[in-house]
């Protein structure tokens, strides 16, 4: 499905935010990551479709980080409220 002008607008907004932005699907897989969150374009392209656990393992980050983020993600899904971390 092609991007609409509205989609392009929101992508530009997300891309220019001075904050980490990562969007995950309901399975916890990355759908979008802005350049502020992951500057390396190769890693940013690679992460789409991957889980946080896969990302941590790939980057050599303690997997406990992924487990903690997954717990927060579940909290969001169950509470239907936005949280920040």
N, C-alpha and C. Protein backbone atom coordinates (compact mmCIF):
# COMPACT_ATOMS: atom_id res chain seq x y z
N UNK A 1 0.84 -1.18 0.00
CA UNK A 1 0.00 0.00 0.00
C UNK A 1 0.89 1.25 0.00
N UNK A 2 0.70 2.16 -0.93
CA UNK A 2 1.54 3.36 -1.00
C UNK A 2 1.26 4.31 0.16
N UNK A 3 2.29 5.06 0.53
CA UNK A 3 2.12 6.07 1.57
C UNK A 3 1.25 7.21 1.08
N UNK A 4 0.39 7.69 1.94
CA UNK A 4 -0.41 8.87 1.62
C UNK A 4 0.34 10.11 2.08
N UNK A 5 -0.14 11.27 1.69
CA UNK A 5 0.46 12.52 2.16
C UNK A 5 0.43 12.60 3.68
N UNK A 6 -0.66 12.09 4.27
CA UNK A 6 -0.80 12.08 5.72
C UNK A 6 0.28 11.19 6.33
N UNK A 7 0.50 9.99 5.77
CA UNK A 7 1.54 9.08 6.27
C UNK A 7 2.91 9.73 6.16
N UNK A 8 3.19 10.35 5.04
CA UNK A 8 4.47 11.01 4.83
C UNK A 8 4.67 12.13 5.84
N UNK A 9 3.63 12.89 6.11
CA UNK A 9 3.70 13.97 7.10
C UNK A 9 4.09 13.42 8.47
N UNK A 10 3.40 12.38 8.92
CA UNK A 10 3.67 11.83 10.24
C UNK A 10 5.06 11.18 10.30
N UNK A 11 5.48 10.55 9.23
CA UNK A 11 6.83 9.98 9.19
C UNK A 11 7.87 11.08 9.34
N UNK A 12 7.66 12.21 8.68
CA UNK A 12 8.60 13.34 8.78
C UNK A 12 8.61 13.89 10.21
N UNK A 13 7.45 13.96 10.83
CA UNK A 13 7.38 14.44 12.21
C UNK A 13 8.17 13.51 13.13
N UNK A 14 7.93 12.21 13.02
CA UNK A 14 8.64 11.24 13.86
C UNK A 14 10.14 11.28 13.61
N UNK A 15 10.51 11.43 12.37
CA UNK A 15 11.92 11.42 12.00
C UNK A 15 12.67 12.64 12.55
N UNK A 16 11.97 13.74 12.72
CA UNK A 16 12.63 14.96 13.17
C UNK A 16 12.49 15.24 14.65
N UNK A 17 11.88 14.33 15.38
CA UNK A 17 11.77 14.50 16.83
C UNK A 17 13.13 14.30 17.47
N UNK A 18 13.43 15.11 18.46
CA UNK A 18 14.69 14.99 19.19
C UNK A 18 14.51 14.05 20.38
N UNK A 19 13.95 12.90 20.11
CA UNK A 19 13.66 11.90 21.12
C UNK A 19 13.64 10.53 20.45
N UNK A 20 13.99 9.51 21.22
CA UNK A 20 13.92 8.14 20.69
C UNK A 20 12.47 7.80 20.40
N UNK A 21 12.21 7.35 19.18
CA UNK A 21 10.87 6.89 18.83
C UNK A 21 11.01 5.51 18.20
N UNK A 22 10.32 4.56 18.82
CA UNK A 22 10.28 3.20 18.29
C UNK A 22 8.84 2.74 18.35
N UNK A 23 8.37 2.18 17.26
CA UNK A 23 7.00 1.67 17.19
C UNK A 23 7.07 0.17 17.01
N UNK A 24 6.35 -0.53 17.88
CA UNK A 24 6.33 -1.99 17.86
C UNK A 24 4.93 -2.47 17.52
N UNK A 25 4.86 -3.64 16.89
CA UNK A 25 3.55 -4.23 16.65
C UNK A 25 3.10 -4.99 17.91
N UNK A 26 1.95 -5.61 17.87
CA UNK A 26 1.42 -6.29 19.06
C UNK A 26 2.24 -7.52 19.45
N UNK A 27 3.09 -7.98 18.56
CA UNK A 27 3.96 -9.11 18.87
C UNK A 27 5.30 -8.65 19.43
N UNK A 28 5.49 -7.34 19.55
CA UNK A 28 6.73 -6.81 20.09
C UNK A 28 7.84 -6.68 19.06
N UNK A 29 7.48 -6.70 17.79
CA UNK A 29 8.48 -6.53 16.73
C UNK A 29 8.50 -5.07 16.28
N UNK A 30 9.70 -4.59 16.02
CA UNK A 30 9.86 -3.21 15.57
C UNK A 30 9.23 -3.00 14.20
N UNK A 31 8.46 -1.94 14.10
CA UNK A 31 7.84 -1.54 12.84
C UNK A 31 8.55 -0.30 12.31
N UNK A 32 8.96 0.56 13.24
CA UNK A 32 9.60 1.83 12.87
C UNK A 32 10.54 2.26 14.00
N UNK A 33 11.68 2.82 13.62
CA UNK A 33 12.62 3.40 14.57
C UNK A 33 13.18 4.66 13.92
N UNK A 34 13.13 5.78 14.65
CA UNK A 34 13.66 7.01 14.05
C UNK A 34 15.18 7.09 14.20
N UNK A 35 15.78 8.04 13.51
CA UNK A 35 17.24 8.16 13.50
C UNK A 35 17.80 8.59 14.85
N UNK A 36 17.01 9.26 15.67
CA UNK A 36 17.47 9.66 16.99
C UNK A 36 17.65 8.42 17.87
N UNK A 37 16.79 7.42 17.70
CA UNK A 37 16.86 6.19 18.49
C UNK A 37 18.01 5.30 18.02
N UNK A 38 18.16 5.17 16.70
CA UNK A 38 19.23 4.34 16.12
C UNK A 38 19.80 5.11 14.93
N UNK A 39 20.97 5.67 15.12
CA UNK A 39 21.56 6.54 14.09
C UNK A 39 22.06 5.76 12.87
N UNK A 40 22.57 4.58 13.07
CA UNK A 40 23.14 3.79 11.98
C UNK A 40 22.03 3.30 11.05
N UNK A 41 22.03 3.74 9.78
CA UNK A 41 20.95 3.36 8.87
C UNK A 41 20.89 1.86 8.58
N UNK A 42 22.01 1.18 8.63
CA UNK A 42 22.02 -0.27 8.40
C UNK A 42 21.33 -0.99 9.55
N UNK A 43 21.66 -0.61 10.78
CA UNK A 43 21.03 -1.21 11.95
C UNK A 43 19.55 -0.86 11.99
N UNK A 44 19.22 0.38 11.66
CA UNK A 44 17.82 0.83 11.65
C UNK A 44 17.00 0.02 10.65
N UNK A 45 17.53 -0.26 9.50
CA UNK A 45 16.83 -1.07 8.50
C UNK A 45 16.75 -2.53 8.97
N UNK A 46 17.83 -3.02 9.59
CA UNK A 46 17.87 -4.40 10.05
C UNK A 46 16.84 -4.67 11.13
N UNK A 47 16.62 -3.71 12.03
CA UNK A 47 15.79 -3.95 13.21
C UNK A 47 14.31 -4.13 12.87
N UNK A 48 13.86 -3.57 11.77
CA UNK A 48 12.44 -3.69 11.40
C UNK A 48 12.09 -5.17 11.22
N UNK A 49 11.08 -5.60 11.96
CA UNK A 49 10.66 -6.99 11.93
C UNK A 49 11.32 -7.85 13.01
N UNK A 50 12.26 -7.26 13.76
CA UNK A 50 12.95 -7.98 14.82
C UNK A 50 12.36 -7.60 16.18
N UNK A 51 12.63 -8.45 17.17
CA UNK A 51 12.21 -8.16 18.54
C UNK A 51 13.33 -7.43 19.27
N UNK A 52 12.99 -6.90 20.43
CA UNK A 52 13.99 -6.24 21.26
C UNK A 52 15.05 -7.23 21.72
N UNK A 53 14.64 -8.47 21.99
CA UNK A 53 15.60 -9.49 22.40
C UNK A 53 16.63 -9.73 21.29
N UNK A 54 16.16 -9.83 20.05
CA UNK A 54 17.07 -10.02 18.91
C UNK A 54 18.02 -8.83 18.78
N UNK A 55 17.49 -7.62 19.00
CA UNK A 55 18.32 -6.42 18.91
C UNK A 55 19.40 -6.44 19.98
N UNK A 56 19.03 -6.74 21.22
CA UNK A 56 20.01 -6.76 22.30
C UNK A 56 21.08 -7.81 22.05
N UNK A 57 20.68 -8.98 21.60
CA UNK A 57 21.65 -10.04 21.32
C UNK A 57 22.59 -9.61 20.18
N UNK A 58 22.05 -8.99 19.16
CA UNK A 58 22.84 -8.54 18.02
C UNK A 58 23.85 -7.48 18.42
N UNK A 59 23.44 -6.55 19.31
CA UNK A 59 24.30 -5.44 19.72
C UNK A 59 25.15 -5.74 20.95
N UNK A 60 25.00 -6.94 21.54
CA UNK A 60 25.78 -7.29 22.72
C UNK A 60 25.30 -6.59 23.98
N UNK A 61 24.02 -6.25 24.03
CA UNK A 61 23.41 -5.60 25.19
C UNK A 61 22.84 -6.69 26.09
N UNK A 62 22.97 -6.52 27.39
CA UNK A 62 22.43 -7.48 28.35
C UNK A 62 20.96 -7.75 28.02
N UNK A 63 20.60 -9.02 27.83
CA UNK A 63 19.23 -9.38 27.43
C UNK A 63 18.20 -9.04 28.50
N UNK A 64 18.65 -8.80 29.74
CA UNK A 64 17.73 -8.38 30.79
C UNK A 64 17.05 -7.06 30.40
N UNK A 65 17.75 -6.22 29.66
CA UNK A 65 17.17 -4.97 29.16
C UNK A 65 15.95 -5.28 28.30
N UNK A 66 16.07 -6.24 27.42
CA UNK A 66 14.96 -6.63 26.55
C UNK A 66 13.80 -7.19 27.36
N UNK A 67 14.11 -7.99 28.35
CA UNK A 67 13.05 -8.57 29.19
C UNK A 67 12.30 -7.48 29.95
N UNK A 68 13.03 -6.49 30.47
CA UNK A 68 12.38 -5.39 31.19
C UNK A 68 11.50 -4.57 30.25
N UNK A 69 12.00 -4.31 29.05
CA UNK A 69 11.19 -3.55 28.08
C UNK A 69 9.97 -4.34 27.65
N UNK A 70 10.11 -5.67 27.50
CA UNK A 70 8.97 -6.51 27.13
C UNK A 70 7.89 -6.47 28.22
N UNK A 71 8.32 -6.47 29.49
CA UNK A 71 7.37 -6.36 30.60
C UNK A 71 6.61 -5.04 30.54
N UNK A 72 7.31 -3.96 30.23
CA UNK A 72 6.65 -2.65 30.10
C UNK A 72 5.69 -2.64 28.92
N UNK A 73 6.10 -3.28 27.83
CA UNK A 73 5.27 -3.35 26.64
C UNK A 73 3.97 -4.10 26.95
N UNK A 74 4.08 -5.21 27.69
CA UNK A 74 2.89 -5.96 28.10
C UNK A 74 1.99 -5.11 28.98
N UNK A 75 2.61 -4.31 29.85
CA UNK A 75 1.85 -3.42 30.72
C UNK A 75 1.01 -2.44 29.89
N UNK A 76 1.59 -1.91 28.84
CA UNK A 76 0.86 -0.99 27.96
C UNK A 76 -0.31 -1.70 27.30
N UNK A 77 -0.05 -2.89 26.75
CA UNK A 77 -1.11 -3.63 26.08
C UNK A 77 -2.26 -3.98 27.02
N UNK A 78 -1.93 -4.35 28.25
CA UNK A 78 -2.96 -4.74 29.20
C UNK A 78 -3.72 -3.55 29.78
N UNK A 79 -3.03 -2.44 29.99
CA UNK A 79 -3.67 -1.27 30.62
C UNK A 79 -4.34 -0.36 29.60
N UNK A 80 -3.98 -0.48 28.33
CA UNK A 80 -4.49 0.39 27.27
C UNK A 80 -4.14 1.86 27.55
N UNK A 81 -3.01 2.09 28.23
CA UNK A 81 -2.54 3.43 28.53
C UNK A 81 -1.11 3.58 28.05
N UNK A 82 -0.78 4.77 27.62
CA UNK A 82 0.59 5.05 27.20
C UNK A 82 1.49 5.19 28.42
N UNK A 83 2.71 4.69 28.32
CA UNK A 83 3.69 4.91 29.35
C UNK A 83 4.98 5.35 28.68
N UNK A 84 5.88 5.93 29.47
CA UNK A 84 7.17 6.33 28.95
C UNK A 84 8.25 5.62 29.75
N UNK A 85 9.36 5.32 29.09
CA UNK A 85 10.52 4.78 29.80
C UNK A 85 11.77 5.15 29.05
